PDB file of N, CA and C in Angstrom:
ATOM      1  N   UNK A   1      99.087 127.369  57.493  1.00  0.00           N
ATOM      2  CA  UNK A   1     100.456 126.528  57.866  1.00  0.00           C
ATOM      3  C   UNK A   1     101.371 127.447  58.024  1.00  0.00           C
ATOM      4  N   UNK A   2     102.446 127.028  58.952  1.00  0.00           N
ATOM      5  CA  UNK A   2     103.431 127.672  59.466  1.00  0.00           C
ATOM      6  C   UNK A   2     104.918 127.286  58.378  1.00  0.00           C
ATOM      7  N   UNK A   3     105.346 128.577  57.921  1.00  0.00           N
ATOM      8  CA  UNK A   3     106.239 128.361  56.932  1.00  0.00           C
ATOM      9  C   UNK A   3     107.688 129.305  57.293  1.00  0.00           C
ATOM     10  N   UNK A   4     108.623 128.452  57.507  1.00  0.00           N
ATOM     11  CA  UNK A   4     110.008 129.427  57.478  1.00  0.00           C
ATOM     12  C   UNK A   4     110.458 129.529  55.902  1.00  0.00           C
ATOM     13  N   UNK A   5     110.814 130.628  55.786  1.00  0.00           N
ATOM     14  CA  UNK A   5     111.435 131.252  54.395  1.00  0.00           C
ATOM     15  C   UNK A   5     112.758 130.983  54.442  1.00  0.00           C
ATOM     16  N   UNK A   6     113.212 130.336  53.263  1.00  0.00           N
ATOM     17  CA  UNK A   6     114.786 130.007  53.090  1.00  0.00           C
ATOM     18  C   UNK A   6     115.300 131.527  52.688  1.00  0.00           C
ATOM     19  N   UNK A   7     116.635 131.731  53.083  1.00  0.00           N
ATOM     20  CA  UNK A   7     117.106 133.001  52.550  1.00  0.00           C
ATOM     21  C   UNK A   7     116.913 133.683  51.223  1.00  0.00           C
ATOM     22  N   UNK A   8     116.938 132.792  50.188  1.00  0.00           N
ATOM     23  CA  UNK A   8     116.853 133.220  49.016  1.00  0.00           C
ATOM     24  C   UNK A   8     115.474 133.791  48.868  1.00  0.00           C
ATOM     25  N   UNK A   9     114.372 132.908  49.282  1.00  0.00           N
ATOM     26  CA  UNK A   9     112.955 133.105  49.225  1.00  0.00           C
ATOM     27  C   UNK A   9     112.533 134.597  49.898  1.00  0.00           C
ATOM     28  N   UNK A  10     113.135 134.785  50.861  1.00  0.00           N
ATOM     29  CA  UNK A  10     112.939 136.056  51.796  1.00  0.00           C
ATOM     30  C   UNK A  10     113.550 137.300  50.924  1.00  0.00           C
ATOM     31  N   UNK A  11     114.934 137.052  50.142  1.00  0.00           N
ATOM     32  CA  UNK A  11     115.411 138.134  49.501  1.00  0.00           C
ATOM     33  C   UNK A  11     114.648 138.409  48.318  1.00  0.00           C
ATOM     34  N   UNK A  12     114.285 137.329  47.566  1.00  0.00           N
ATOM     35  CA  UNK A  12     113.523 137.456  46.326  1.00  0.00           C
ATOM     36  C   UNK A  12     112.196 138.093  46.584  1.00  0.00           C
ATOM     37  N   UNK A  13     111.723 137.709  47.827  1.00  0.00           N
ATOM     38  CA  UNK A  13     110.179 138.577  47.977  1.00  0.00           C
ATOM     39  C   UNK A  13     110.420 139.795  48.105  1.00  0.00           C
ATOM     40  N   UNK A  14     111.359 140.114  49.134  1.00  0.00           N
ATOM     41  CA  UNK A  14     111.444 141.608  49.218  1.00  0.00           C
ATOM     42  C   UNK A  14     112.069 142.618  48.241  1.00  0.00           C
ATOM     43  N   UNK A  15     112.761 141.610  47.282  1.00  0.00           N
ATOM     44  CA  UNK A  15     113.365 142.760  46.017  1.00  0.00           C
ATOM     45  C   UNK A  15     112.448 142.378  44.950  1.00  0.00           C
ATOM     46  N   UNK A  16     111.282 141.778  45.165  1.00  0.00           N
ATOM     47  CA  UNK A  16     110.311 141.547  44.060  1.00  0.00           C
ATOM     48  C   UNK A  16     111.155 140.942  42.927  1.00  0.00           C
ATOM     49  N   UNK A  17     111.946 139.924  43.013  1.00  0.00           N
ATOM     50  CA  UNK A  17     112.462 138.962  42.175  1.00  0.00           C
ATOM     51  C   UNK A  17     111.991 138.150  41.337  1.00  0.00           C
ATOM     52  N   UNK A  18     111.971 137.926  39.998  1.00  0.00           N
ATOM     53  CA  UNK A  18     111.145 137.176  39.111  1.00  0.00           C
ATOM     54  C   UNK A  18     111.520 135.703  39.300  1.00  0.00           C
ATOM     55  N   UNK A  19     112.535 135.420  40.083  1.00  0.00           N
ATOM     56  CA  UNK A  19     112.944 134.047  40.218  1.00  0.00           C
ATOM     57  C   UNK A  19     111.946 133.402  41.344  1.00  0.00           C
ATOM     58  N   UNK A  20     111.319 134.128  42.165  1.00  0.00           N
ATOM     59  CA  UNK A  20     110.350 133.754  43.233  1.00  0.00           C
ATOM     60  C   UNK A  20     109.239 133.094  42.268  1.00  0.00           C
ATOM     61  N   UNK A  21     108.904 131.759  42.614  1.00  0.00           N
ATOM     62  CA  UNK A  21     107.794 131.427  41.721  1.00  0.00           C
ATOM     63  C   UNK A  21     106.610 131.862  42.102  1.00  0.00           C
ATOM     64  N   UNK A  22     105.607 131.730  41.397  1.00  0.00           N
ATOM     65  CA  UNK A  22     104.013 131.942  41.536  1.00  0.00           C
ATOM     66  C   UNK A  22     103.476 131.458  42.594  1.00  0.00           C
ATOM     67  N   UNK A  23     103.904 130.238  42.841  1.00  0.00           N
ATOM     68  CA  UNK A  23     103.172 129.318  44.060  1.00  0.00           C
ATOM     69  C   UNK A  23     103.846 129.988  45.279  1.00  0.00           C
ATOM     70  N   UNK A  24     104.984 130.161  45.181  1.00  0.00           N
ATOM     71  CA  UNK A  24     105.755 130.797  46.385  1.00  0.00           C
ATOM     72  C   UNK A  24     104.972 132.042  46.761  1.00  0.00           C
ATOM     73  N   UNK A  25     104.921 133.065  45.753  1.00  0.00           N
ATOM     74  CA  UNK A  25     104.417 134.249  45.900  1.00  0.00           C
ATOM     75  C   UNK A  25     102.819 134.172  46.640  1.00  0.00           C
ATOM     76  N   UNK A  26     102.072 133.064  46.196  1.00  0.00           N
ATOM     77  CA  UNK A  26     100.678 132.759  46.776  1.00  0.00           C
ATOM     78  C   UNK A  26     100.728 132.450  48.243  1.00  0.00           C
ATOM     79  N   UNK A  27     101.864 131.768  48.726  1.00  0.00           N
ATOM     80  CA  UNK A  27     101.943 131.319  49.830  1.00  0.00           C
ATOM     81  C   UNK A  27     102.280 132.471  50.930  1.00  0.00           C
ATOM     82  N   UNK A  28     103.144 133.477  50.268  1.00  0.00           N
ATOM     83  CA  UNK A  28     103.437 134.677  51.144  1.00  0.00           C
ATOM     84  C   UNK A  28     102.417 135.393  51.419  1.00  0.00           C
ATOM     85  N   UNK A  29     101.437 135.498  50.337  1.00  0.00           N
ATOM     86  CA  UNK A  29     100.246 136.529  50.397  1.00  0.00           C
ATOM     87  C   UNK A  29      99.367 136.136  51.094  1.00  0.00           C
ATOM     88  N   UNK A  30      99.147 134.583  51.393  1.00  0.00           N
ATOM     89  CA  UNK A  30      97.907 134.016  51.961  1.00  0.00           C
ATOM     90  C   UNK A  30      97.915 134.237  53.613  1.00  0.00           C
ATOM     91  N   UNK A  31      97.174 135.024  53.852  1.00  0.00           N
ATOM     92  CA  UNK A  31      97.056 135.459  55.285  1.00  0.00           C
ATOM     93  C   UNK A  31      96.743 134.300  56.426  1.00  0.00           C
ATOM     94  N   UNK A  32      96.485 133.291  55.666  1.00  0.00           N
ATOM     95  CA  UNK A  32      96.234 132.248  56.519  1.00  0.00           C
ATOM     96  C   UNK A  32      97.447 131.436  56.939  1.00  0.00           C
ATOM     97  N   UNK A  33      98.407 131.719  56.292  1.00  0.00           N
ATOM     98  CA  UNK A  33      99.944 131.282  56.544  1.00  0.00           C
ATOM     99  C   UNK A  33     100.495 132.235  57.653  1.00  0.00           C
ATOM    100  N   UNK A  34     101.410 131.440  58.598  1.00  0.00           N
ATOM    101  CA  UNK A  34     102.199 132.349  59.402  1.00  0.00           C
ATOM    102  C   UNK A  34     103.543 132.001  58.798  1.00  0.00           C
ATOM    103  N   UNK A  35     104.101 133.416  58.433  1.00  0.00           N
ATOM    104  CA  UNK A  35     105.618 133.460  57.748  1.00  0.00           C
ATOM    105  C   UNK A  35     106.625 133.516  58.969  1.00  0.00           C
ATOM    106  N   UNK A  36     107.736 132.971  58.885  1.00  0.00           N
ATOM    107  CA  UNK A  36     108.789 133.010  59.926  1.00  0.00           C
ATOM    108  C   UNK A  36     110.182 133.219  58.820  1.00  0.00           C
ATOM    109  N   UNK A  37     110.931 133.889  59.520  1.00  0.00           N
ATOM    110  CA  UNK A  37     112.355 134.026  59.029  1.00  0.00           C
ATOM    111  C   UNK A  37     113.419 133.715  60.496  1.00  0.00           C
ATOM    112  N   UNK A  38     114.225 132.742  60.007  1.00  0.00           N
ATOM    113  CA  UNK A  38     115.058 132.275  61.039  1.00  0.00           C
ATOM    114  C   UNK A  38     116.248 133.120  61.477  1.00  0.00           C
ATOM    115  N   UNK A  39     116.524 133.309  62.632  1.00  0.00           N
ATOM    116  CA  UNK A  39     117.776 134.086  63.094  1.00  0.00           C
ATOM    117  C   UNK A  39     119.070 133.588  62.207  1.00  0.00           C
ATOM    118  N   UNK A  40     118.822 132.422  61.870  1.00  0.00           N
ATOM    119  CA  UNK A  40     120.154 131.996  60.848  1.00  0.00           C
ATOM    120  C   UNK A  40     120.229 132.611  59.466  1.00  0.00           C
ATOM    121  N   UNK A  41     118.932 132.816  59.085  1.00  0.00           N
ATOM    122  CA  UNK A  41     118.776 133.663  57.757  1.00  0.00           C
ATOM    123  C   UNK A  41     119.380 135.122  57.980  1.00  0.00           C
ATOM    124  N   UNK A  42     119.294 135.680  59.261  1.00  0.00           N
ATOM    125  CA  UNK A  42     119.699 137.045  59.665  1.00  0.00           C
ATOM    126  C   UNK A  42     121.157 137.121  59.482  1.00  0.00           C
ATOM    127  N   UNK A  43     121.626 135.937  60.334  1.00  0.00           N
ATOM    128  CA  UNK A  43     123.038 135.841  60.437  1.00  0.00           C
ATOM    129  C   UNK A  43     123.634 135.535  58.951  1.00  0.00           C
ATOM    130  N   UNK A  44     123.158 134.822  57.963  1.00  0.00           N
ATOM    131  CA  UNK A  44     123.802 134.731  56.809  1.00  0.00           C
ATOM    132  C   UNK A  44     123.557 135.971  55.882  1.00  0.00           C
ATOM    133  N   UNK A  45     122.685 136.663  56.087  1.00  0.00           N
ATOM    134  CA  UNK A  45     122.278 138.108  55.301  1.00  0.00           C
ATOM    135  C   UNK A  45     123.442 138.945  55.977  1.00  0.00           C
ATOM    136  N   UNK A  46     123.570 138.971  57.093  1.00  0.00           N
ATOM    137  CA  UNK A  46     124.603 140.123  57.840  1.00  0.00           C
ATOM    138  C   UNK A  46     126.138 139.714  57.250  1.00  0.00           C
ATOM    139  N   UNK A  47     126.365 138.388  57.290  1.00  0.00           N
ATOM    140  CA  UNK A  47     127.753 137.952  56.717  1.00  0.00           C
ATOM    141  C   UNK A  47     127.886 138.174  55.322  1.00  0.00           C
ATOM    142  N   UNK A  48     127.172 137.820  54.567  1.00  0.00           N
ATOM    143  CA  UNK A  48     127.074 138.058  53.195  1.00  0.00           C
ATOM    144  C   UNK A  48     127.078 139.556  52.740  1.00  0.00           C
ATOM    145  N   UNK A  49     126.530 140.312  53.308  1.00  0.00           N
ATOM    146  CA  UNK A  49     126.437 141.723  53.323  1.00  0.00           C
ATOM    147  C   UNK A  49     127.650 142.495  53.647  1.00  0.00           C
ATOM    148  N   UNK A  50     128.169 142.202  54.630  1.00  0.00           N
ATOM    149  CA  UNK A  50     129.598 142.404  55.006  1.00  0.00           C
ATOM    150  C   UNK A  50     130.740 142.188  54.145  1.00  0.00           C
ATOM    151  N   UNK A  51     130.461 140.793  53.553  1.00  0.00           N
ATOM    152  CA  UNK A  51     131.398 140.568  52.415  1.00  0.00           C
ATOM    153  C   UNK A  51     131.271 141.080  51.191  1.00  0.00           C
ATOM    154  N   UNK A  52     130.032 141.808  50.860  1.00  0.00           N
ATOM    155  CA  UNK A  52     129.647 142.538  49.633  1.00  0.00           C
ATOM    156  C   UNK A  52     128.956 141.742  48.831  1.00  0.00           C
ATOM    157  N   UNK A  53     128.551 140.209  48.985  1.00  0.00           N
ATOM    158  CA  UNK A  53     127.893 139.517  48.233  1.00  0.00           C
ATOM    159  C   UNK A  53     126.459 139.567  48.167  1.00  0.00           C
ATOM    160  N   UNK A  54     125.801 140.480  49.049  1.00  0.00           N
ATOM    161  CA  UNK A  54     124.710 140.890  49.332  1.00  0.00           C
ATOM    162  C   UNK A  54     124.627 142.367  49.416  1.00  0.00           C
ATOM    163  N   UNK A  55     123.814 143.185  48.392  1.00  0.00           N
ATOM    164  CA  UNK A  55     123.656 144.462  48.639  1.00  0.00           C
ATOM    165  C   UNK A  55     122.323 145.070  48.797  1.00  0.00           C
ATOM    166  N   UNK A  56     122.200 145.479  50.079  1.00  0.00           N
ATOM    167  CA  UNK A  56     120.889 146.059  50.654  1.00  0.00           C
ATOM    168  C   UNK A  56     120.634 147.256  50.785  1.00  0.00           C
ATOM    169  N   UNK A  57     119.572 148.197  50.502  1.00  0.00           N
ATOM    170  CA  UNK A  57     119.566 149.673  51.030  1.00  0.00           C
ATOM    171  C   UNK A  57     119.628 149.930  52.421  1.00  0.00           C
ATOM    172  N   UNK A  58     120.517 150.758  52.672  1.00  0.00           N
ATOM    173  CA  UNK A  58     120.532 151.166  53.949  1.00  0.00           C
ATOM    174  C   UNK A  58     121.244 149.897  54.909  1.00  0.00           C
ATOM    175  N   UNK A  59     121.102 150.430  56.252  1.00  0.00           N
ATOM    176  CA  UNK A  59     121.958 149.370  57.370  1.00  0.00           C
ATOM    177  C   UNK A  59     121.146 148.149  57.361  1.00  0.00           C
ATOM    178  N   UNK A  60     121.772 146.904  57.314  1.00  0.00           N
ATOM    179  CA  UNK A  60     120.907 145.543  57.121  1.00  0.00           C
ATOM    180  C   UNK A  60     120.320 145.391  58.356  1.00  0.00           C
ATOM    181  N   UNK A  61     120.620 145.604  59.706  1.00  0.00           N
ATOM    182  CA  UNK A  61     119.781 145.501  60.692  1.00  0.00           C
ATOM    183  C   UNK A  61     118.388 146.187  60.559  1.00  0.00           C
ATOM    184  N   UNK A  62     118.483 147.508  60.318  1.00  0.00           N
ATOM    185  CA  UNK A  62     117.370 148.061  60.133  1.00  0.00           C
ATOM    186  C   UNK A  62     116.317 147.918  59.048  1.00  0.00           C
ATOM    187  N   UNK A  63     117.075 147.540  57.979  1.00  0.00           N
ATOM    188  CA  UNK A  63     116.302 147.004  56.720  1.00  0.00           C
ATOM    189  C   UNK A  63     115.527 145.813  56.981  1.00  0.00           C
ATOM    190  N   UNK A  64     116.218 144.951  57.532  1.00  0.00           N
ATOM    191  CA  UNK A  64     115.693 143.295  57.555  1.00  0.00           C
ATOM    192  C   UNK A  64     114.349 143.743  58.630  1.00  0.00           C
ATOM    193  N   UNK A  65     114.839 144.532  59.782  1.00  0.00           N
ATOM    194  CA  UNK A  65     113.689 144.616  60.676  1.00  0.00           C
ATOM    195  C   UNK A  65     112.362 145.193  60.271  1.00  0.00           C
ATOM    196  N   UNK A  66     112.741 146.210  59.376  1.00  0.00           N
ATOM    197  CA  UNK A  66     111.507 147.051  58.643  1.00  0.00           C
ATOM    198  C   UNK A  66     110.789 145.988  57.756  1.00  0.00           C
ATOM    199  N   UNK A  67     111.361 145.143  56.855  1.00  0.00           N
ATOM    200  CA  UNK A  67     110.855 144.122  55.976  1.00  0.00           C
ATOM    201  C   UNK A  67     110.043 143.131  56.775  1.00  0.00           C
ATOM    202  N   UNK A  68     110.374 142.646  57.977  1.00  0.00           N
ATOM    203  CA  UNK A  68     109.847 141.809  58.830  1.00  0.00           C
ATOM    204  C   UNK A  68     108.353 142.383  59.213  1.00  0.00           C
ATOM    205  N   UNK A  69     108.699 143.537  59.548  1.00  0.00           N
ATOM    206  CA  UNK A  69     107.285 144.181  60.196  1.00  0.00           C
ATOM    207  C   UNK A  69     106.392 144.596  58.934  1.00  0.00           C
ATOM    208  N   UNK A  70     106.919 145.109  57.880  1.00  0.00           N
ATOM    209  CA  UNK A  70     105.907 145.218  56.814  1.00  0.00           C
ATOM    210  C   UNK A  70     105.334 144.139  56.079  1.00  0.00           C
ATOM    211  N   UNK A  71     105.911 143.078  56.068  1.00  0.00           N
ATOM    212  CA  UNK A  71     105.461 141.746  55.784  1.00  0.00           C
ATOM    213  C   UNK A  71     104.879 140.735  56.568  1.00  0.00           C
ATOM    214  N   UNK A  72     104.724 141.199  57.860  1.00  0.00           N
ATOM    215  CA  UNK A  72     104.144 140.036  58.587  1.00  0.00           C
ATOM    216  C   UNK A  72     104.862 138.986  58.784  1.00  0.00           C
ATOM    217  N   UNK A  73     105.964 139.168  58.973  1.00  0.00           N
ATOM    218  CA  UNK A  73     106.873 137.976  59.249  1.00  0.00           C
ATOM    219  C   UNK A  73     107.540 137.758  60.540  1.00  0.00           C
ATOM    220  N   UNK A  74     107.196 136.728  61.146  1.00  0.00           N
ATOM    221  CA  UNK A  74     107.787 136.583  62.452  1.00  0.00           C
ATOM    222  C   UNK A  74     109.214 136.054  62.527  1.00  0.00           C
ATOM    223  N   UNK A  75     110.174 136.722  63.604  1.00  0.00           N
ATOM    224  CA  UNK A  75     111.222 136.125  63.821  1.00  0.00           C
ATOM    225  C   UNK A  75     111.431 134.709  64.342  1.00  0.00           C
ATOM    226  N   UNK A  76     112.305 134.041  63.863  1.00  0.00           N
ATOM    227  CA  UNK A  76     112.409 132.616  64.536  1.00  0.00           C
ATOM    228  C   UNK A  76     113.513 132.577  65.321  1.00  0.00           C
ATOM    229  N   UNK A  77     113.817 132.650  66.434  1.00  0.00           N
ATOM    230  CA  UNK A  77     114.936 132.569  67.156  1.00  0.00           C
ATOM    231  C   UNK A  77     115.724 131.215  67.056  1.00  0.00           C
ATOM    232  N   UNK A  78     116.946 131.231  67.337  1.00  0.00           N
ATOM    233  CA  UNK A  78     117.705 129.754  67.305  1.00  0.00           C
ATOM    234  C   UNK A  78     117.627 129.202  68.900  1.00  0.00           C
ATOM    235  N   UNK A  79     117.281 128.261  69.290  1.00  0.00           N
ATOM    236  CA  UNK A  79     117.277 127.678  70.562  1.00  0.00           C
ATOM    237  C   UNK A  79     118.181 126.515  70.456  1.00  0.00           C
ATOM    238  N   UNK A  80     118.685 126.062  71.594  1.00  0.00           N
ATOM    239  CA  UNK A  80     119.741 125.014  71.993  1.00  0.00           C
ATOM    240  C   UNK A  80     119.218 123.773  71.350  1.00  0.00           C
ATOM    241  N   UNK A  81     118.016 123.363  71.451  1.00  0.00           N
ATOM    242  CA  UNK A  81     117.409 122.140  70.706  1.00  0.00           C
ATOM    243  C   UNK A  81     117.497 122.341  69.278  1.00  0.00           C
ATOM    244  N   UNK A  82     117.282 123.510  68.858  1.00  0.00           N
ATOM    245  CA  UNK A  82     117.583 123.577  66.970  1.00  0.00           C
ATOM    246  C   UNK A  82     118.979 123.359  66.660  1.00  0.00           C
ATOM    247  N   UNK A  83     119.933 123.914  67.443  1.00  0.00           N
ATOM    248  CA  UNK A  83     121.154 123.811  67.093  1.00  0.00           C
ATOM    249  C   UNK A  83     121.820 122.214  67.424  1.00  0.00           C
ATOM    250  N   UNK A  84     121.463 121.787  68.467  1.00  0.00           N
ATOM    251  CA  UNK A  84     121.712 120.176  68.816  1.00  0.00           C
ATOM    252  C   UNK A  84     120.975 119.425  67.796  1.00  0.00           C
ATOM    253  N   UNK A  85     119.750 119.775  67.189  1.00  0.00           N
ATOM    254  CA  UNK A  85     119.182 118.845  66.417  1.00  0.00           C
ATOM    255  C   UNK A  85     120.165 118.672  65.170  1.00  0.00           C
ATOM    256  N   UNK A  86     120.784 119.574  64.782  1.00  0.00           N
ATOM    257  CA  UNK A  86     121.801 119.236  63.377  1.00  0.00           C
ATOM    258  C   UNK A  86     122.550 118.061  63.671  1.00  0.00           C
ATOM    259  N   UNK A  87     123.188 117.611  64.721  1.00  0.00           N
ATOM    260  CA  UNK A  87     123.691 116.526  65.233  1.00  0.00           C
ATOM    261  C   UNK A  87     122.976 115.030  64.620  1.00  0.00           C
ATOM    262  N   UNK A  88     121.839 115.415  64.743  1.00  0.00           N
ATOM    263  CA  UNK A  88     120.660 114.013  64.435  1.00  0.00           C
ATOM    264  C   UNK A  88     120.664 113.942  62.867  1.00  0.00           C
ATOM    265  N   UNK A  89     121.225 115.044  61.984  1.00  0.00           N
ATOM    266  CA  UNK A  89     120.729 115.047  60.633  1.00  0.00           C
ATOM    267  C   UNK A  89     121.827 114.467  59.997  1.00  0.00           C
ATOM    268  N   UNK A  90     121.454 113.571  58.801  1.00  0.00           N
ATOM    269  CA  UNK A  90     122.324 113.086  57.876  1.00  0.00           C
ATOM    270  C   UNK A  90     123.185 114.306  57.040  1.00  0.00           C
ATOM    271  N   UNK A  91     124.167 113.907  56.320  1.00  0.00           N
ATOM    272  CA  UNK A  91     124.920 114.934  55.584  1.00  0.00           C
ATOM    273  C   UNK A  91     124.508 115.108  54.197  1.00  0.00           C
ATOM    274  N   UNK A  92     123.051 115.313  53.925  1.00  0.00           N
ATOM    275  CA  UNK A  92     122.529 115.592  52.548  1.00  0.00           C
ATOM    276  C   UNK A  92     123.176 116.799  52.343  1.00  0.00           C
ATOM    277  N   UNK A  93     123.173 117.947  53.037  1.00  0.00           N
ATOM    278  CA  UNK A  93     123.337 119.255  52.832  1.00  0.00           C
ATOM    279  C   UNK A  93     124.685 119.903  53.400  1.00  0.00           C
ATOM    280  N   UNK A  94     125.304 120.485  53.114  1.00  0.00           N
ATOM    281  CA  UNK A  94     126.536 121.043  53.838  1.00  0.00           C
ATOM    282  C   UNK A  94     126.464 122.159  54.433  1.00  0.00           C
ATOM    283  N   UNK A  95     125.529 123.179  53.579  1.00  0.00           N
ATOM    284  CA  UNK A  95     125.382 124.464  54.108  1.00  0.00           C
ATOM    285  C   UNK A  95     124.840 124.810  55.433  1.00  0.00           C
ATOM    286  N   UNK A  96     125.735 125.267  56.450  1.00  0.00           N
ATOM    287  CA  UNK A  96     125.386 125.220  57.845  1.00  0.00           C
ATOM    288  C   UNK A  96     123.878 126.106  58.165  1.00  0.00           C
ATOM    289  N   UNK A  97     123.703 127.205  57.498  1.00  0.00           N
ATOM    290  CA  UNK A  97     122.517 127.953  57.605  1.00  0.00           C
ATOM    291  C   UNK A  97     121.392 127.154  57.261  1.00  0.00           C
ATOM    292  N   UNK A  98     121.346 126.407  56.063  1.00  0.00           N
ATOM    293  CA  UNK A  98     120.184 125.884  55.827  1.00  0.00           C
ATOM    294  C   UNK A  98     120.049 124.612  56.564  1.00  0.00           C
ATOM    295  N   UNK A  99     121.148 123.942  57.053  1.00  0.00           N
ATOM    296  CA  UNK A  99     120.960 122.780  58.114  1.00  0.00           C
ATOM    297  C   UNK A  99     120.211 123.012  59.393  1.00  0.00           C
ATOM    298  N   UNK A 100     120.792 124.392  59.825  1.00  0.00           N
ATOM    299  CA  UNK A 100     119.955 125.000  60.983  1.00  0.00           C
ATOM    300  C   UNK A 100     118.508 125.318  60.681  1.00  0.00           C
ATOM    301  N   UNK A 101     118.306 125.968  59.524  1.00  0.00           N
ATOM    302  CA  UNK A 101     116.736 126.203  59.121  1.00  0.00           C
ATOM    303  C   UNK A 101     116.025 124.797  58.977  1.00  0.00           C
ATOM    304  N   UNK A 102     116.722 123.804  58.470  1.00  0.00           N
ATOM    305  CA  UNK A 102     115.919 122.500  58.378  1.00  0.00           C
ATOM    306  C   UNK A 102     115.745 121.942  59.768  1.00  0.00           C
ATOM    307  N   UNK A 103     116.644 121.986  60.673  1.00  0.00           N
ATOM    308  CA  UNK A 103     116.457 121.561  62.082  1.00  0.00           C
ATOM    309  C   UNK A 103     115.369 122.338  62.643  1.00  0.00           C
ATOM    310  N   UNK A 104     115.294 123.550  62.557  1.00  0.00           N
ATOM    311  CA  UNK A 104     114.050 124.460  63.091  1.00  0.00           C
ATOM    312  C   UNK A 104     112.595 123.841  62.601  1.00  0.00           C
ATOM    313  N   UNK A 105     112.590 123.779  61.250  1.00  0.00           N
ATOM    314  CA  UNK A 105     111.331 123.341  60.532  1.00  0.00           C
ATOM    315  C   UNK A 105     111.074 121.790  61.123  1.00  0.00           C
ATOM    316  N   UNK A 106     112.102 120.957  61.205  1.00  0.00           N
ATOM    317  CA  UNK A 106     111.656 119.840  61.953  1.00  0.00           C
ATOM    318  C   UNK A 106     111.202 119.776  63.295  1.00  0.00           C
ATOM    319  N   UNK A 107     111.590 120.538  64.225  1.00  0.00           N
ATOM    320  CA  UNK A 107     111.228 120.631  65.542  1.00  0.00           C
ATOM    321  C   UNK A 107     110.206 121.366  65.806  1.00  0.00           C
ATOM    322  N   UNK A 108     109.972 122.427  65.036  1.00  0.00           N
ATOM    323  CA  UNK A 108     108.653 123.561  65.054  1.00  0.00           C
ATOM    324  C   UNK A 108     107.569 123.098  64.165  1.00  0.00           C
ATOM    325  N   UNK A 109     107.785 121.950  63.302  1.00  0.00           N
ATOM    326  CA  UNK A 109     106.700 121.389  62.443  1.00  0.00           C
ATOM    327  C   UNK A 109     106.218 122.441  61.639  1.00  0.00           C
ATOM    328  N   UNK A 110     107.242 122.902  60.650  1.00  0.00           N
ATOM    329  CA  UNK A 110     107.154 124.026  59.868  1.00  0.00           C
ATOM    330  C   UNK A 110     107.483 123.458  58.529  1.00  0.00           C
ATOM    331  N   UNK A 111     106.774 124.160  57.458  1.00  0.00           N
ATOM    332  CA  UNK A 111     107.293 123.845  55.925  1.00  0.00           C
ATOM    333  C   UNK A 111     108.391 124.830  55.797  1.00  0.00           C
ATOM    334  N   UNK A 112     109.146 124.579  54.833  1.00  0.00           N
ATOM    335  CA  UNK A 112     109.900 125.604  54.218  1.00  0.00           C
ATOM    336  C   UNK A 112     109.910 126.021  52.989  1.00  0.00           C
ATOM    337  N   UNK A 113     109.804 127.330  52.635  1.00  0.00           N
ATOM    338  CA  UNK A 113     109.632 127.730  51.582  1.00  0.00           C
ATOM    339  C   UNK A 113     110.982 128.055  50.817  1.00  0.00           C
ATOM    340  N   UNK A 114     111.191 127.180  49.865  1.00  0.00           N
ATOM    341  CA  UNK A 114     112.556 127.073  49.322  1.00  0.00           C
ATOM    342  C   UNK A 114     112.588 126.211  47.924  1.00  0.00           C
ATOM    343  N   UNK A 115     113.477 126.710  46.917  1.00  0.00           N
ATOM    344  CA  UNK A 115     113.714 125.956  45.794  1.00  0.00           C
ATOM    345  C   UNK A 115     114.674 125.217  45.760  1.00  0.00           C
ATOM    346  N   UNK A 116     115.239 124.934  47.049  1.00  0.00           N
ATOM    347  CA  UNK A 116     116.250 123.843  47.228  1.00  0.00           C
ATOM    348  C   UNK A 116     115.646 122.416  47.583  1.00  0.00           C
ATOM    349  N   UNK A 117     115.577 121.477  46.596  1.00  0.00           N
ATOM    350  CA  UNK A 117     115.007 120.172  46.632  1.00  0.00           C
ATOM    351  C   UNK A 117     115.684 119.133  47.593  1.00  0.00           C
ATOM    352  N   UNK A 118     117.053 119.646  47.827  1.00  0.00           N
ATOM    353  CA  UNK A 118     117.820 118.701  48.681  1.00  0.00           C
ATOM    354  C   UNK A 118     117.119 118.953  50.360  1.00  0.00           C
ATOM    355  N   UNK A 119     116.412 120.072  50.786  1.00  0.00           N
ATOM    356  CA  UNK A 119     115.838 119.938  51.827  1.00  0.00           C
ATOM    357  C   UNK A 119     114.659 118.939  52.173  1.00  0.00           C
ATOM    358  N   UNK A 120     114.134 118.603  51.167  1.00  0.00           N
ATOM    359  CA  UNK A 120     113.196 117.578  51.366  1.00  0.00           C
ATOM    360  C   UNK A 120     113.684 116.396  51.641  1.00  0.00           C
ATOM    361  N   UNK A 121     114.762 116.028  51.663  1.00  0.00           N
ATOM    362  CA  UNK A 121     115.366 114.854  51.998  1.00  0.00           C
ATOM    363  C   UNK A 121     115.419 114.474  53.407  1.00  0.00           C
ATOM    364  N   UNK A 122     115.406 115.813  54.161  1.00  0.00           N
ATOM    365  CA  UNK A 122     115.267 115.702  55.727  1.00  0.00           C
ATOM    366  C   UNK A 122     113.880 115.385  56.240  1.00  0.00           C
ATOM    367  N   UNK A 123     112.897 115.172  55.399  1.00  0.00           N
ATOM    368  CA  UNK A 123     111.567 114.709  55.833  1.00  0.00           C
ATOM    369  C   UNK A 123     110.902 115.846  56.324  1.00  0.00           C
ATOM    370  N   UNK A 124     111.221 117.086  55.766  1.00  0.00           N
ATOM    371  CA  UNK A 124     110.506 118.310  56.287  1.00  0.00           C
ATOM    372  C   UNK A 124     109.585 118.560  54.908  1.00  0.00           C
ATOM    373  N   UNK A 125     108.452 119.450  55.144  1.00  0.00           N
ATOM    374  CA  UNK A 125     107.646 119.521  54.027  1.00  0.00           C
ATOM    375  C   UNK A 125     108.111 121.014  53.157  1.00  0.00           C
ATOM    376  N   UNK A 126     108.769 120.843  51.990  1.00  0.00           N
ATOM    377  CA  UNK A 126     109.279 121.898  51.018  1.00  0.00           C
ATOM    378  C   UNK A 126     108.118 122.449  50.175  1.00  0.00           C
ATOM    379  N   UNK A 127     107.840 123.696  50.120  1.00  0.00           N
ATOM    380  CA  UNK A 127     106.789 124.295  49.274  1.00  0.00           C
ATOM    381  C   UNK A 127     107.799 125.216  48.127  1.00  0.00           C
ATOM    382  N   UNK A 128     107.358 125.155  47.085  1.00  0.00           N
ATOM    383  CA  UNK A 128     107.963 126.282  46.116  1.00  0.00           C
ATOM    384  C   UNK A 128     106.957 126.654  45.081  1.00  0.00           C
TER     385      UNK A 128
END
């Protein structure tokens, strides 16, 4: 299964947070799954770290890059088709980062690892 991690799922995984469900953990450790992190998540983390709302050890850019490598997570770039797909989406969800992740999952035929039930309203498979 190809899975894009929502921001909280990624952060909870790399910080070993108890809020990450047992099922979510099993999806991440299953080597048959391909894990992806959207560039939108990198952008969101960078903004929130700069504002002091997220605290990570060291420089955000090098820390996230190291975590992707350590956890065998692929970077999912944002393509123009992803950005423009947001136009076709109903307004169930207002978070621009989540909307872009949803658009990517739709076009790339991926599941989303998230605890956010609103994402499933867009016809994407949500796992948690």
